[in-house]
Every structure is written in C-alpha cells, then in structure tokens.
Protein backbone atom coordinates (compact mmCIF):
# COMPACT_ATOMS: atom_id res chain seq x y z
CA MET A 1 94.14 -40.26 -1.92
CA THR A 2 95.25 -43.03 0.51
CA LYS A 3 93.98 -43.44 3.93
CA GLU A 4 97.31 -42.12 5.26
CA GLN A 5 97.02 -38.97 3.08
CA GLU A 6 93.47 -38.45 4.34
CA THR A 7 94.47 -38.77 7.93
CA LYS A 8 97.33 -36.27 7.50
CA LEU A 9 94.99 -33.83 5.80
CA ILE A 10 92.40 -34.03 8.64
CA LEU A 11 95.23 -33.57 11.26
CA ASP A 12 96.66 -30.67 9.31
CA LEU A 13 93.31 -28.97 8.95
CA ALA A 14 92.69 -29.64 12.70
CA GLU A 15 95.80 -27.80 13.57
CA ASP A 16 94.81 -24.90 11.30
CA LEU A 17 91.31 -24.81 12.84
CA ALA A 18 92.38 -25.17 16.49
CA PRO A 19 92.66 -21.46 17.24
CA PHE A 20 89.10 -20.91 15.93
CA VAL A 21 87.74 -23.89 17.92
CA ARG A 22 89.55 -22.63 21.07
CA ASP A 23 87.92 -19.20 20.69
CA VAL A 24 84.43 -20.83 20.16
CA GLU A 25 84.79 -23.27 23.07
CA GLY A 26 86.56 -20.83 25.29
CA GLY A 27 83.86 -18.18 25.02
CA LYS A 28 85.94 -15.59 22.99
CA ILE A 29 83.21 -15.81 20.31
CA PRO A 30 79.89 -15.18 22.03
CA LYS A 31 77.59 -18.25 21.95
CA THR A 32 74.46 -17.20 20.21
CA THR A 33 73.00 -20.67 19.50
CA ARG A 34 72.89 -23.89 21.26
CA ASN A 35 76.38 -25.55 21.14
CA SER A 36 77.53 -22.74 18.87
CA TYR A 37 76.05 -24.49 15.88
CA SER A 38 75.60 -21.27 14.00
CA THR A 39 79.09 -20.15 14.51
CA TYR A 40 80.37 -23.64 13.27
CA GLY A 41 77.90 -23.59 10.42
CA GLN A 42 79.08 -20.10 9.20
CA MET A 43 82.74 -21.17 9.22
CA LEU A 44 81.86 -24.43 7.47
CA THR A 45 79.99 -22.56 4.80
CA ARG A 46 82.74 -20.02 4.25
CA LEU A 47 85.60 -22.56 4.11
CA SER A 48 83.71 -25.09 2.06
CA LYS A 49 82.22 -22.45 -0.34
CA GLY A 50 78.84 -24.30 0.20
CA LYS A 51 79.99 -27.82 -0.82
CA ARG A 52 78.65 -30.46 1.51
CA ASN A 53 81.51 -32.93 0.87
CA VAL A 54 84.15 -30.33 1.74
CA ALA A 55 82.09 -29.36 4.79
CA LEU A 56 82.17 -33.00 6.02
CA VAL A 57 86.04 -33.09 5.83
CA LEU A 58 86.23 -29.72 7.62
CA SER A 59 83.81 -30.80 10.37
CA TYR A 60 85.87 -33.91 11.03
CA ALA A 61 88.85 -31.60 11.42
CA MET A 62 86.87 -29.35 13.80
CA LEU A 63 86.04 -32.29 15.96
CA GLN A 64 89.72 -33.33 15.98
CA ALA A 65 90.54 -29.75 17.11
CA GLY A 66 88.12 -30.19 20.05
CA ALA A 67 84.91 -28.66 18.74
CA ASN A 68 81.55 -29.48 20.36
CA ALA A 69 80.33 -32.52 18.51
CA GLN A 70 76.73 -31.61 18.91
CA GLY A 71 77.36 -28.17 17.69
CA VAL A 72 79.19 -29.36 14.63
CA SER A 73 76.50 -31.94 13.90
CA ASP A 74 73.78 -29.42 14.28
CA ALA A 75 75.62 -27.06 11.98
CA LEU A 76 75.74 -29.79 9.20
CA GLN A 77 72.19 -30.50 9.60
CA ALA A 78 71.16 -26.90 9.38
CA PHE A 79 73.55 -25.52 6.86
CA PHE A 80 74.20 -28.66 4.66
CA PRO A 81 70.92 -30.65 4.67
CA GLU A 82 71.04 -33.93 2.69
C-alpha cells in the first residue's frame, strides 16, 4: 500500500467514524470514564476484532475525526497493551 493509499484509507475511515466521534464528544453517549476511553476502547475492539494493528489504524482515523486524543490513547493502552 502506498502512502497516498494509506492516507486515503485513514480519511475515508475518519469520515465513516465521524458520527460516532461526534456522539461521544458531544455527550450523546454518556461519559462513563475519563476522556471516554472505555467507549473508544469498546468501539476499537469491536471494529478491529481484537487485532492491535487494525486498532492502531482505526485510532488514527478517530483522531482525524476529532476524537479526544487522550481518550483514544488511554483506550489503546487499556484494551490493546503491547
């Protein structure tokens, strides 16, 4: 995959994830943990089927869509430890 293809994939995923991120950041989904890390972690787990490398790509797309960076980072640490 070329760098341009990777960028397009991230931007396409960000567009698809934008409604979810808006709901989380806008308060439609109740905040149950600091920076909503559990909500982001649950979605990353569901979409990646537990695969860390896929979760990393999805997390970058979430950030591009406006997700809380600390929440996504905490989700990766909690749900996908190295």
